[in-house]
Amino acid sequence: MDKETTITKIIEDIRNEVANTDLLPERAAELLTKLSALLGNILNEITRRDMEYNKILLEFLKNEKSANRAKIVAGTTEEYKTMRDARNAEKVAIELIRSLKYYLKTKSDEYEAGKYH
């Protein structure tokens, strides 16, 4: 199992937990912290995957008659897929971070409202 698969698995597990369980605020905060730390790893992975794809694209640009054709052909490679997967992981992680922040803010507001009534 490579690093990207591990990151994808962690994000998928968190997404399933958020979607399918009744989170307590403490657990939501733990998941938020984990995702925030993981985001740095995701960004490093994106950089690495972008470089791999760009090397492939460069080879196709050397061998194809047009840049458009080279991009189309390069877009069918495994390097392109892994680059897209890494970028998608970033988007999912960011949305989960936003959702968890909103959830925690809502819970905090509910607690404060109940505290003063």
PDB file of N, CA and C in Angstrom:
ATOM      1  N   MET A   1       0.855  -1.187   0.000  1.00  0.00           N
ATOM      2  CA  MET A   1       0.000   0.000   0.000  1.00  0.00           C
ATOM      3  C   MET A   1       0.889   1.235   0.000  1.00  0.00           C
ATOM      4  N   ASP A   2       0.717   2.109  -0.984  1.00  0.00           N
ATOM      5  CA  ASP A   2       1.555   3.302  -1.062  1.00  0.00           C
ATOM      6  C   ASP A   2       0.948   4.449  -0.254  1.00  0.00           C
ATOM      7  N   LYS A   3       1.700   5.532  -0.166  1.00  0.00           N
ATOM      8  CA  LYS A   3       1.309   6.679   0.653  1.00  0.00           C
ATOM      9  C   LYS A   3      -0.033   7.257   0.226  1.00  0.00           C
ATOM     10  N   GLU A   4      -0.234   7.415  -1.091  1.00  0.00           N
ATOM     11  CA  GLU A   4      -1.469   8.009  -1.595  1.00  0.00           C
ATOM     12  C   GLU A   4      -2.670   7.155  -1.230  1.00  0.00           C
ATOM     13  N   THR A   5      -2.530   5.833  -1.323  1.00  0.00           N
ATOM     14  CA  THR A   5      -3.622   4.939  -0.959  1.00  0.00           C
ATOM     15  C   THR A   5      -3.927   5.067   0.528  1.00  0.00           C
ATOM     16  N   THR A   6      -2.911   5.176   1.337  1.00  0.00           N
ATOM     17  CA  THR A   6      -3.103   5.333   2.770  1.00  0.00           C
ATOM     18  C   THR A   6      -3.848   6.632   3.070  1.00  0.00           C
ATOM     19  N   ILE A   7      -3.458   7.715   2.442  1.00  0.00           N
ATOM     20  CA  ILE A   7      -4.134   8.993   2.637  1.00  0.00           C
ATOM     21  C   ILE A   7      -5.589   8.883   2.202  1.00  0.00           C
ATOM     22  N   THR A   8      -5.817   8.266   1.044  1.00  0.00           N
ATOM     23  CA  THR A   8      -7.174   8.088   0.546  1.00  0.00           C
ATOM     24  C   THR A   8      -8.004   7.264   1.521  1.00  0.00           C
ATOM     25  N   LYS A   9      -7.421   6.209   2.072  1.00  0.00           N
ATOM     26  CA  LYS A   9      -8.131   5.337   3.020  1.00  0.00           C
ATOM     27  C   LYS A   9      -8.475   6.102   4.298  1.00  0.00           C
ATOM     28  N   ILE A  10      -7.549   6.872   4.804  1.00  0.00           N
ATOM     29  CA  ILE A  10      -7.805   7.657   6.022  1.00  0.00           C
ATOM     30  C   ILE A  10      -8.949   8.637   5.783  1.00  0.00           C
ATOM     31  N   ILE A  11      -8.903   9.333   4.661  1.00  0.00           N
ATOM     32  CA  ILE A  11      -9.958  10.303   4.346  1.00  0.00           C
ATOM     33  C   ILE A  11     -11.299   9.607   4.190  1.00  0.00           C
ATOM     34  N   GLU A  12     -11.307   8.473   3.512  1.00  0.00           N
ATOM     35  CA  GLU A  12     -12.551   7.712   3.323  1.00  0.00           C
ATOM     36  C   GLU A  12     -13.116   7.259   4.673  1.00  0.00           C
ATOM     37  N   ASP A  13     -12.256   6.786   5.562  1.00  0.00           N
ATOM     38  CA  ASP A  13     -12.706   6.362   6.897  1.00  0.00           C
ATOM     39  C   ASP A  13     -13.303   7.532   7.669  1.00  0.00           C
ATOM     40  N   ILE A  14     -12.657   8.678   7.613  1.00  0.00           N
ATOM     41  CA  ILE A  14     -13.176   9.861   8.313  1.00  0.00           C
ATOM     42  C   ILE A  14     -14.501  10.292   7.699  1.00  0.00           C
ATOM     43  N   ARG A  15     -14.559  10.305   6.380  1.00  0.00           N
ATOM     44  CA  ARG A  15     -15.798  10.700   5.703  1.00  0.00           C
ATOM     45  C   ARG A  15     -16.946   9.778   6.095  1.00  0.00           C
ATOM     46  N   ASN A  16     -16.689   8.470   6.135  1.00  0.00           N
ATOM     47  CA  ASN A  16     -17.728   7.528   6.542  1.00  0.00           C
ATOM     48  C   ASN A  16     -18.157   7.735   7.987  1.00  0.00           C
ATOM     49  N   GLU A  17     -17.205   7.989   8.858  1.00  0.00           N
ATOM     50  CA  GLU A  17     -17.534   8.228  10.258  1.00  0.00           C
ATOM     51  C   GLU A  17     -18.373   9.491  10.425  1.00  0.00           C
ATOM     52  N   VAL A  18     -18.006  10.546   9.729  1.00  0.00           N
ATOM     53  CA  VAL A  18     -18.753  11.803   9.814  1.00  0.00           C
ATOM     54  C   VAL A  18     -20.170  11.622   9.263  1.00  0.00           C
ATOM     55  N   ALA A  19     -20.280  10.897   8.169  1.00  0.00           N
ATOM     56  CA  ALA A  19     -21.581  10.738   7.511  1.00  0.00           C
ATOM     57  C   ALA A  19     -22.497   9.737   8.210  1.00  0.00           C
ATOM     58  N   ASN A  20     -21.922   8.727   8.851  1.00  0.00           N
ATOM     59  CA  ASN A  20     -22.742   7.614   9.313  1.00  0.00           C
ATOM     60  C   ASN A  20     -22.825   7.441  10.819  1.00  0.00           C
ATOM     61  N   THR A  21     -22.286   8.362  11.579  1.00  0.00           N
ATOM     62  CA  THR A  21     -22.367   8.241  13.035  1.00  0.00           C
ATOM     63  C   THR A  21     -22.821   9.560  13.635  1.00  0.00           C
ATOM     64  N   ASP A  22     -23.275   9.476  14.862  1.00  0.00           N
ATOM     65  CA  ASP A  22     -23.647  10.670  15.599  1.00  0.00           C
ATOM     66  C   ASP A  22     -22.407  11.128  16.366  1.00  0.00           C
ATOM     67  N   LEU A  23     -21.686  12.059  15.777  1.00  0.00           N
ATOM     68  CA  LEU A  23     -20.413  12.492  16.350  1.00  0.00           C
ATOM     69  C   LEU A  23     -20.606  13.283  17.630  1.00  0.00           C
ATOM     70  N   LEU A  24     -19.774  12.996  18.587  1.00  0.00           N
ATOM     71  CA  LEU A  24     -19.679  13.850  19.759  1.00  0.00           C
ATOM     72  C   LEU A  24     -18.693  14.966  19.424  1.00  0.00           C
ATOM     73  N   PRO A  25     -18.843  16.121  20.030  1.00  0.00           N
ATOM     74  CA  PRO A  25     -17.923  17.231  19.728  1.00  0.00           C
ATOM     75  C   PRO A  25     -16.447  16.878  19.943  1.00  0.00           C
ATOM     76  N   GLU A  26     -16.160  16.073  20.975  1.00  0.00           N
ATOM     77  CA  GLU A  26     -14.770  15.701  21.230  1.00  0.00           C
ATOM     78  C   GLU A  26     -14.194  14.893  20.065  1.00  0.00           C
ATOM     79  N   ARG A  27     -14.995  13.972  19.538  1.00  0.00           N
ATOM     80  CA  ARG A  27     -14.537  13.162  18.406  1.00  0.00           C
ATOM     81  C   ARG A  27     -14.407  14.019  17.147  1.00  0.00           C
ATOM     82  N   ALA A  28     -15.337  14.933  16.948  1.00  0.00           N
ATOM     83  CA  ALA A  28     -15.257  15.832  15.791  1.00  0.00           C
ATOM     84  C   ALA A  28     -13.973  16.659  15.853  1.00  0.00           C
ATOM     85  N   ALA A  29     -13.612  17.115  17.040  1.00  0.00           N
ATOM     86  CA  ALA A  29     -12.379  17.889  17.202  1.00  0.00           C
ATOM     87  C   ALA A  29     -11.150  17.026  16.894  1.00  0.00           C
ATOM     88  N   GLU A  30     -11.174  15.758  17.317  1.00  0.00           N
ATOM     89  CA  GLU A  30     -10.075  14.850  17.002  1.00  0.00           C
ATOM     90  C   GLU A  30      -9.933  14.656  15.493  1.00  0.00           C
ATOM     91  N   LEU A  31     -11.065  14.439  14.829  1.00  0.00           N
ATOM     92  CA  LEU A  31     -11.034  14.239  13.378  1.00  0.00           C
ATOM     93  C   LEU A  31     -10.566  15.498  12.657  1.00  0.00           C
ATOM     94  N   LEU A  32     -10.993  16.651  13.150  1.00  0.00           N
ATOM     95  CA  LEU A  32     -10.574  17.919  12.569  1.00  0.00           C
ATOM     96  C   LEU A  32      -9.059  18.089  12.684  1.00  0.00           C
ATOM     97  N   THR A  33      -8.512  17.773  13.833  1.00  0.00           N
ATOM     98  CA  THR A  33      -7.069  17.863  14.039  1.00  0.00           C
ATOM     99  C   THR A  33      -6.325  16.904  13.123  1.00  0.00           C
ATOM    100  N   LYS A  34      -6.839  15.685  13.009  1.00  0.00           N
ATOM    101  CA  LYS A  34      -6.210  14.689  12.149  1.00  0.00           C
ATOM    102  C   LYS A  34      -6.222  15.135  10.682  1.00  0.00           C
ATOM    103  N   LEU A  35      -7.353  15.646  10.231  1.00  0.00           N
ATOM    104  CA  LEU A  35      -7.453  16.117   8.843  1.00  0.00           C
ATOM    105  C   LEU A  35      -6.546  17.314   8.585  1.00  0.00           C
ATOM    106  N   SER A  36      -6.475  18.214   9.541  1.00  0.00           N
ATOM    107  CA  SER A  36      -5.624  19.393   9.375  1.00  0.00           C
ATOM    108  C   SER A  36      -4.163  18.979   9.251  1.00  0.00           C
ATOM    109  N   ALA A  37      -3.747  18.007  10.049  1.00  0.00           N
ATOM    110  CA  ALA A  37      -2.373  17.516   9.957  1.00  0.00           C
ATOM    111  C   ALA A  37      -2.152  16.774   8.646  1.00  0.00           C
ATOM    112  N   LEU A  38      -3.148  16.024   8.222  1.00  0.00           N
ATOM    113  CA  LEU A  38      -3.055  15.245   6.992  1.00  0.00           C
ATOM    114  C   LEU A  38      -2.984  16.134   5.753  1.00  0.00           C
ATOM    115  N   LEU A  39      -3.537  17.322   5.843  1.00  0.00           N
ATOM    116  CA  LEU A  39      -3.556  18.227   4.692  1.00  0.00           C
ATOM    117  C   LEU A  39      -2.141  18.541   4.196  1.00  0.00           C
ATOM    118  N   GLY A  40      -1.201  18.691   5.086  1.00  0.00           N
ATOM    119  CA  GLY A  40       0.191  18.914   4.687  1.00  0.00           C
ATOM    120  C   GLY A  40       0.741  17.744   3.889  1.00  0.00           C
ATOM    121  N   ASN A  41       0.435  16.529   4.328  1.00  0.00           N
ATOM    122  CA  ASN A  41       0.860  15.337   3.592  1.00  0.00           C
ATOM    123  C   ASN A  41       0.222  15.295   2.211  1.00  0.00           C
ATOM    124  N   ILE A  42      -1.040  15.677   2.144  1.00  0.00           N
ATOM    125  CA  ILE A  42      -1.755  15.682   0.866  1.00  0.00           C
ATOM    126  C   ILE A  42      -1.095  16.669  -0.095  1.00  0.00           C
ATOM    127  N   LEU A  43      -0.765  17.845   0.393  1.00  0.00           N
ATOM    128  CA  LEU A  43      -0.125  18.851  -0.461  1.00  0.00           C
ATOM    129  C   LEU A  43       1.237  18.370  -0.963  1.00  0.00           C
ATOM    130  N   ASN A  44       1.986  17.696  -0.097  1.00  0.00           N
ATOM    131  CA  ASN A  44       3.261  17.120  -0.534  1.00  0.00           C
ATOM    132  C   ASN A  44       3.038  16.061  -1.610  1.00  0.00           C
ATOM    133  N   GLU A  45       2.002  15.260  -1.426  1.00  0.00           N
ATOM    134  CA  GLU A  45       1.674  14.218  -2.403  1.00  0.00           C
ATOM    135  C   GLU A  45       1.260  14.830  -3.742  1.00  0.00           C
ATOM    136  N   ILE A  46       0.500  15.905  -3.694  1.00  0.00           N
ATOM    137  CA  ILE A  46       0.102  16.592  -4.928  1.00  0.00           C
ATOM    138  C   ILE A  46       1.335  17.084  -5.680  1.00  0.00           C
ATOM    139  N   THR A  47       2.266  17.682  -4.980  1.00  0.00           N
ATOM    140  CA  THR A  47       3.492  18.167  -5.610  1.00  0.00           C
ATOM    141  C   THR A  47       4.238  17.023  -6.289  1.00  0.00           C
ATOM    142  N   ARG A  48       4.375  15.922  -5.584  1.00  0.00           N
ATOM    143  CA  ARG A  48       5.082  14.765  -6.135  1.00  0.00           C
ATOM    144  C   ARG A  48       4.359  14.212  -7.361  1.00  0.00           C
ATOM    145  N   ARG A  49       3.054  14.082  -7.257  1.00  0.00           N
ATOM    146  CA  ARG A  49       2.271  13.520  -8.368  1.00  0.00           C
ATOM    147  C   ARG A  49       2.242  14.472  -9.575  1.00  0.00           C
ATOM    148  N   ASP A  50       2.187  15.762  -9.319  1.00  0.00           N
ATOM    149  CA  ASP A  50       2.244  16.741 -10.410  1.00  0.00           C
ATOM    150  C   ASP A  50       3.560  16.617 -11.172  1.00  0.00           C
ATOM    151  N   MET A  51       4.653  16.475 -10.442  1.00  0.00           N
ATOM    152  CA  MET A  51       5.962  16.346 -11.086  1.00  0.00           C
ATOM    153  C   MET A  51       6.031  15.079 -11.937  1.00  0.00           C
ATOM    154  N   GLU A  52       5.493  13.982 -11.424  1.00  0.00           N
ATOM    155  CA  GLU A  52       5.492  12.730 -12.193  1.00  0.00           C
ATOM    156  C   GLU A  52       4.678  12.894 -13.480  1.00  0.00           C
ATOM    157  N   TYR A  53       3.512  13.514 -13.353  1.00  0.00           N
ATOM    158  CA  TYR A  53       2.673  13.709 -14.533  1.00  0.00           C
ATOM    159  C   TYR A  53       3.344  14.650 -15.534  1.00  0.00           C
ATOM    160  N   ASN A  54       3.939  15.710 -15.046  1.00  0.00           N
ATOM    161  CA  ASN A  54       4.591  16.669 -15.952  1.00  0.00           C
ATOM    162  C   ASN A  54       5.738  16.030 -16.731  1.00  0.00           C
ATOM    163  N   LYS A  55       6.445  15.087 -16.114  1.00  0.00           N
ATOM    164  CA  LYS A  55       7.509  14.375 -16.830  1.00  0.00           C
ATOM    165  C   LYS A  55       6.919  13.547 -17.964  1.00  0.00           C
ATOM    166  N   ILE A  56       5.802  12.892 -17.703  1.00  0.00           N
ATOM    167  CA  ILE A  56       5.129  12.095 -18.737  1.00  0.00           C
ATOM    168  C   ILE A  56       4.619  13.016 -19.847  1.00  0.00           C
ATOM    169  N   LEU A  57       3.999  14.117 -19.450  1.00  0.00           N
ATOM    170  CA  LEU A  57       3.481  15.066 -20.436  1.00  0.00           C
ATOM    171  C   LEU A  57       4.607  15.595 -21.319  1.00  0.00           C
ATOM    172  N   LEU A  58       5.723  15.898 -20.717  1.00  0.00           N
ATOM    173  CA  LEU A  58       6.866  16.384 -21.481  1.00  0.00           C
ATOM    174  C   LEU A  58       7.311  15.358 -22.524  1.00  0.00           C
ATOM    175  N   GLU A  59       7.341  14.097 -22.156  1.00  0.00           N
ATOM    176  CA  GLU A  59       7.710  13.048 -23.116  1.00  0.00           C
ATOM    177  C   GLU A  59       6.714  12.986 -24.271  1.00  0.00           C
ATOM    178  N   PHE A  60       5.426  13.084 -23.950  1.00  0.00           N
ATOM    179  CA  PHE A  60       4.420  13.062 -25.012  1.00  0.00           C
ATOM    180  C   PHE A  60       4.515  14.307 -25.893  1.00  0.00           C
ATOM    181  N   LEU A  61       4.836  15.446 -25.294  1.00  0.00           N
ATOM    182  CA  LEU A  61       5.007  16.674 -26.094  1.00  0.00           C
ATOM    183  C   LEU A  61       6.156  16.530 -27.086  1.00  0.00           C
ATOM    184  N   LYS A  62       7.197  15.805 -26.690  1.00  0.00           N
ATOM    185  CA  LYS A  62       8.334  15.584 -27.587  1.00  0.00           C
ATOM    186  C   LYS A  62       7.955  14.668 -28.751  1.00  0.00           C
ATOM    187  N   ASN A  63       7.039  13.737 -28.488  1.00  0.00           N
ATOM    188  CA  ASN A  63       6.742  12.696 -29.471  1.00  0.00           C
ATOM    189  C   ASN A  63       5.493  12.937 -30.315  1.00  0.00           C
ATOM    190  N   GLU A  64       4.593  13.779 -29.857  1.00  0.00           N
ATOM    191  CA  GLU A  64       3.336  14.011 -30.583  1.00  0.00           C
ATOM    192  C   GLU A  64       3.473  15.217 -31.504  1.00  0.00           C
ATOM    193  N   LYS A  65       2.605  15.278 -32.490  1.00  0.00           N
ATOM    194  CA  LYS A  65       2.636  16.384 -33.461  1.00  0.00           C
ATOM    195  C   LYS A  65       2.028  17.670 -32.905  1.00  0.00           C
ATOM    196  N   SER A  66       1.083  17.532 -31.977  1.00  0.00           N
ATOM    197  CA  SER A  66       0.456  18.736 -31.422  1.00  0.00           C
ATOM    198  C   SER A  66       0.389  18.644 -29.898  1.00  0.00           C
ATOM    199  N   ALA A  67       0.389  19.815 -29.276  1.00  0.00           N
ATOM    200  CA  ALA A  67       0.304  19.870 -27.814  1.00  0.00           C
ATOM    201  C   ALA A  67      -1.031  19.324 -27.322  1.00  0.00           C
ATOM    202  N   ASN A  68      -2.114  19.628 -28.052  1.00  0.00           N
ATOM    203  CA  ASN A  68      -3.422  19.118 -27.648  1.00  0.00           C
ATOM    204  C   ASN A  68      -3.449  17.599 -27.629  1.00  0.00           C
ATOM    205  N   ARG A  69      -2.906  16.996 -28.653  1.00  0.00           N
ATOM    206  CA  ARG A  69      -2.869  15.530 -28.712  1.00  0.00           C
ATOM    207  C   ARG A  69      -2.002  14.977 -27.581  1.00  0.00           C
ATOM    208  N   ALA A  70      -0.882  15.600 -27.318  1.00  0.00           N
ATOM    209  CA  ALA A  70      -0.003  15.153 -26.230  1.00  0.00           C
ATOM    210  C   ALA A  70      -0.735  15.198 -24.892  1.00  0.00           C
ATOM    211  N   LYS A  71      -1.503  16.257 -24.651  1.00  0.00           N
ATOM    212  CA  LYS A  71      -2.258  16.367 -23.396  1.00  0.00           C
ATOM    213  C   LYS A  71      -3.326  15.290 -23.294  1.00  0.00           C
ATOM    214  N   ILE A  72      -3.990  15.017 -24.410  1.00  0.00           N
ATOM    215  CA  ILE A  72      -5.022  13.977 -24.410  1.00  0.00           C
ATOM    216  C   ILE A  72      -4.403  12.618 -24.109  1.00  0.00           C
ATOM    217  N   VAL A  73      -3.309  12.318 -24.769  1.00  0.00           N
ATOM    218  CA  VAL A  73      -2.645  11.033 -24.550  1.00  0.00           C
ATOM    219  C   VAL A  73      -2.119  10.944 -23.117  1.00  0.00           C
ATOM    220  N   ALA A  74      -1.493  12.007 -22.627  1.00  0.00           N
ATOM    221  CA  ALA A  74      -0.968  12.013 -21.253  1.00  0.00           C
ATOM    222  C   ALA A  74      -2.097  11.868 -20.234  1.00  0.00           C
ATOM    223  N   GLY A  75      -3.281  12.362 -20.596  1.00  0.00           N
ATOM    224  CA  GLY A  75      -4.437  12.252 -19.705  1.00  0.00           C
ATOM    225  C   GLY A  75      -4.977  10.844 -19.559  1.00  0.00           C
ATOM    226  N   THR A  76      -4.459   9.915 -20.319  1.00  0.00           N
ATOM    227  CA  THR A  76      -4.894   8.517 -20.219  1.00  0.00           C
ATOM    228  C   THR A  76      -3.925   7.668 -19.402  1.00  0.00           C
ATOM    229  N   THR A  77      -2.891   8.279 -18.860  1.00  0.00           N
ATOM    230  CA  THR A  77      -1.858   7.526 -18.149  1.00  0.00           C
ATOM    231  C   THR A  77      -2.190   7.363 -16.668  1.00  0.00           C
ATOM    232  N   GLU A  78      -1.513   6.424 -16.056  1.00  0.00           N
ATOM    233  CA  GLU A  78      -1.655   6.188 -14.612  1.00  0.00           C
ATOM    234  C   GLU A  78      -1.164   7.407 -13.822  1.00  0.00           C
ATOM    235  N   GLU A  79      -0.149   8.088 -14.332  1.00  0.00           N
ATOM    236  CA  GLU A  79       0.368   9.285 -13.654  1.00  0.00           C
ATOM    237  C   GLU A  79      -0.699  10.374 -13.574  1.00  0.00           C
ATOM    238  N   TYR A  80      -1.471  10.515 -14.638  1.00  0.00           N
ATOM    239  CA  TYR A  80      -2.556  11.497 -14.622  1.00  0.00           C
ATOM    240  C   TYR A  80      -3.603  11.106 -13.584  1.00  0.00           C
ATOM    241  N   LYS A  81      -3.959   9.824 -13.552  1.00  0.00           N
ATOM    242  CA  LYS A  81      -4.967   9.350 -12.598  1.00  0.00           C
ATOM    243  C   LYS A  81      -4.513   9.596 -11.156  1.00  0.00           C
ATOM    244  N   THR A  82      -3.268   9.257 -10.850  1.00  0.00           N
ATOM    245  CA  THR A  82      -2.800   9.453  -9.475  1.00  0.00           C
ATOM    246  C   THR A  82      -2.700  10.930  -9.114  1.00  0.00           C
ATOM    247  N   MET A  83      -2.377  11.768 -10.104  1.00  0.00           N
ATOM    248  CA  MET A  83      -2.362  13.212  -9.859  1.00  0.00           C
ATOM    249  C   MET A  83      -3.771  13.692  -9.525  1.00  0.00           C
ATOM    250  N   ARG A  84      -4.757  13.262 -10.301  1.00  0.00           N
ATOM    251  CA  ARG A  84      -6.151  13.648 -10.056  1.00  0.00           C
ATOM    252  C   ARG A  84      -6.637  13.115  -8.708  1.00  0.00           C
ATOM    253  N   ASP A  85      -6.272  11.888  -8.379  1.00  0.00           N
ATOM    254  CA  ASP A  85      -6.665  11.315  -7.091  1.00  0.00           C
ATOM    255  C   ASP A  85      -6.127  12.148  -5.933  1.00  0.00           C
ATOM    256  N   ALA A  86      -4.883  12.583  -6.044  1.00  0.00           N
ATOM    257  CA  ALA A  86      -4.286  13.406  -4.989  1.00  0.00           C
ATOM    258  C   ALA A  86      -5.007  14.747  -4.875  1.00  0.00           C
ATOM    259  N   ARG A  87      -5.329  15.355  -5.995  1.00  0.00           N
ATOM    260  CA  ARG A  87      -6.057  16.630  -5.976  1.00  0.00           C
ATOM    261  C   ARG A  87      -7.468  16.449  -5.410  1.00  0.00           C
ATOM    262  N   ASN A  88      -8.103  15.335  -5.746  1.00  0.00           N
ATOM    263  CA  ASN A  88      -9.441  15.059  -5.208  1.00  0.00           C
ATOM    264  C   ASN A  88      -9.390  14.834  -3.698  1.00  0.00           C
ATOM    265  N   ALA A  89      -8.333  14.188  -3.225  1.00  0.00           N
ATOM    266  CA  ALA A  89      -8.170  13.977  -1.786  1.00  0.00           C
ATOM    267  C   ALA A  89      -8.078  15.315  -1.065  1.00  0.00           C
ATOM    268  N   GLU A  90      -7.378  16.267  -1.673  1.00  0.00           N
ATOM    269  CA  GLU A  90      -7.279  17.602  -1.073  1.00  0.00           C
ATOM    270  C   GLU A  90      -8.660  18.246  -0.962  1.00  0.00           C
ATOM    271  N   LYS A  91      -9.436  18.169  -2.028  1.00  0.00           N
ATOM    272  CA  LYS A  91     -10.774  18.776  -2.021  1.00  0.00           C
ATOM    273  C   LYS A  91     -11.666  18.150  -0.962  1.00  0.00           C
ATOM    274  N   VAL A  92     -11.640  16.824  -0.869  1.00  0.00           N
ATOM    275  CA  VAL A  92     -12.468  16.138   0.123  1.00  0.00           C
ATOM    276  C   VAL A  92     -12.011  16.507   1.530  1.00  0.00           C
ATOM    277  N   ALA A  93     -10.709  16.525   1.758  1.00  0.00           N
ATOM    278  CA  ALA A  93     -10.185  16.875   3.083  1.00  0.00           C
ATOM    279  C   ALA A  93     -10.591  18.295   3.478  1.00  0.00           C
ATOM    280  N   ILE A  94     -10.496  19.223   2.545  1.00  0.00           N
ATOM    281  CA  ILE A  94     -10.867  20.609   2.840  1.00  0.00           C
ATOM    282  C   ILE A  94     -12.355  20.719   3.161  1.00  0.00           C
ATOM    283  N   GLU A  95     -13.184  20.029   2.413  1.00  0.00           N
ATOM    284  CA  GLU A  95     -14.624  20.071   2.687  1.00  0.00           C
ATOM    285  C   GLU A  95     -14.960  19.425   4.020  1.00  0.00           C
ATOM    286  N   LEU A  96     -14.278  18.341   4.359  1.00  0.00           N
ATOM    287  CA  LEU A  96     -14.493  17.722   5.669  1.00  0.00           C
ATOM    288  C   LEU A  96     -14.050  18.662   6.789  1.00  0.00           C
ATOM    289  N   ILE A  97     -12.927  19.338   6.598  1.00  0.00           N
ATOM    290  CA  ILE A  97     -12.460  20.305   7.591  1.00  0.00           C
ATOM    291  C   ILE A  97     -13.502  21.401   7.782  1.00  0.00           C
ATOM    292  N   ARG A  98     -14.024  21.929   6.696  1.00  0.00           N
ATOM    293  CA  ARG A  98     -15.052  22.976   6.786  1.00  0.00           C
ATOM    294  C   ARG A  98     -16.297  22.464   7.502  1.00  0.00           C
ATOM    295  N   SER A  99     -16.721  21.259   7.151  1.00  0.00           N
ATOM    296  CA  SER A  99     -17.913  20.681   7.771  1.00  0.00           C
ATOM    297  C   SER A  99     -17.727  20.479   9.269  1.00  0.00           C
ATOM    298  N   LEU A 100     -16.567  19.955   9.640  1.00  0.00           N
ATOM    299  CA  LEU A 100     -16.311  19.727  11.065  1.00  0.00           C
ATOM    300  C   LEU A 100     -16.210  21.040  11.836  1.00  0.00           C
ATOM    301  N   LYS A 101     -15.619  22.054  11.235  1.00  0.00           N
ATOM    302  CA  LYS A 101     -15.565  23.365  11.889  1.00  0.00           C
ATOM    303  C   LYS A 101     -16.972  23.924  12.105  1.00  0.00           C
ATOM    304  N   TYR A 102     -17.806  23.799  11.094  1.00  0.00           N
ATOM    305  CA  TYR A 102     -19.182  24.282  11.198  1.00  0.00           C
ATOM    306  C   TYR A 102     -19.942  23.498  12.264  1.00  0.00           C
ATOM    307  N   TYR A 103     -19.771  22.193  12.275  1.00  0.00           N
ATOM    308  CA  TYR A 103     -20.425  21.342  13.274  1.00  0.00           C
ATOM    309  C   TYR A 103     -20.015  21.767  14.685  1.00  0.00           C
ATOM    310  N   LEU A 104     -18.708  21.951  14.890  1.00  0.00           N
ATOM    311  CA  LEU A 104     -18.225  22.343  16.218  1.00  0.00           C
ATOM    312  C   LEU A 104     -18.717  23.735  16.612  1.00  0.00           C
ATOM    313  N   LYS A 105     -18.785  24.649  15.666  1.00  0.00           N
ATOM    314  CA  LYS A 105     -19.309  25.993  15.942  1.00  0.00           C
ATOM    315  C   LYS A 105     -20.780  25.913  16.339  1.00  0.00           C
ATOM    316  N   THR A 106     -21.549  25.100  15.616  1.00  0.00           N
ATOM    317  CA  THR A 106     -22.968  24.931  15.918  1.00  0.00           C
ATOM    318  C   THR A 106     -23.148  24.339  17.304  1.00  0.00           C
ATOM    319  N   LYS A 107     -22.375  23.313  17.629  1.00  0.00           N
ATOM    320  CA  LYS A 107     -22.464  22.687  18.957  1.00  0.00           C
ATOM    321  C   LYS A 107     -22.081  23.681  20.050  1.00  0.00           C
ATOM    322  N   SER A 108     -21.073  24.490  19.789  1.00  0.00           N
ATOM    323  CA  SER A 108     -20.661  25.501  20.758  1.00  0.00           C
ATOM    324  C   SER A 108     -21.770  26.529  20.970  1.00  0.00           C
ATOM    325  N   ASP A 109     -22.388  26.955  19.873  1.00  0.00           N
ATOM    326  CA  ASP A 109     -23.502  27.912  19.967  1.00  0.00           C
ATOM    327  C   ASP A 109     -24.672  27.316  20.740  1.00  0.00           C
ATOM    328  N   GLU A 110     -24.973  26.046  20.480  1.00  0.00           N
ATOM    329  CA  GLU A 110     -26.064  25.365  21.194  1.00  0.00           C
ATOM    330  C   GLU A 110     -25.759  25.302  22.685  1.00  0.00           C
ATOM    331  N   TYR A 111     -24.520  24.984  23.009  1.00  0.00           N
ATOM    332  CA  TYR A 111     -24.117  24.907  24.409  1.00  0.00           C
ATOM    333  C   TYR A 111     -24.247  26.266  25.079  1.00  0.00           C
ATOM    334  N   GLU A 112     -23.761  27.297  24.426  1.00  0.00           N
ATOM    335  CA  GLU A 112     -23.848  28.652  24.992  1.00  0.00           C
ATOM    336  C   GLU A 112     -25.300  29.103  25.145  1.00  0.00           C
ATOM    337  N   ALA A 113     -26.145  28.797  24.166  1.00  0.00           N
ATOM    338  CA  ALA A 113     -27.558  29.188  24.246  1.00  0.00           C
ATOM    339  C   ALA A 113     -28.241  28.474  25.410  1.00  0.00           C
ATOM    340  N   GLY A 114     -27.931  27.208  25.593  1.00  0.00           N
ATOM    341  CA  GLY A 114     -28.527  26.438  26.686  1.00  0.00           C
ATOM    342  C   GLY A 114     -27.990  26.852  28.037  1.00  0.00           C
ATOM    343  N   LYS A 115     -26.794  27.314  28.079  1.00  0.00           N
ATOM    344  CA  LYS A 115     -26.126  27.696  29.315  1.00  0.00           C
ATOM    345  C   LYS A 115     -26.780  28.932  29.936  1.00  0.00           C
ATOM    346  N   TYR A 116     -27.307  29.822  29.091  1.00  0.00           N
ATOM    347  CA  TYR A 116     -27.830  31.076  29.601  1.00  0.00           C
ATOM    348  C   TYR A 116     -29.352  31.103  29.669  1.00  0.00           C
ATOM    349  N   HIS A 117     -30.012  29.985  29.448  1.00  0.00           N
ATOM    350  CA  HIS A 117     -31.471  29.967  29.558  1.00  0.00           C
ATOM    351  C   HIS A 117     -31.938  29.287  30.787  1.00  0.00           C
TER     352      HIS A 117
END
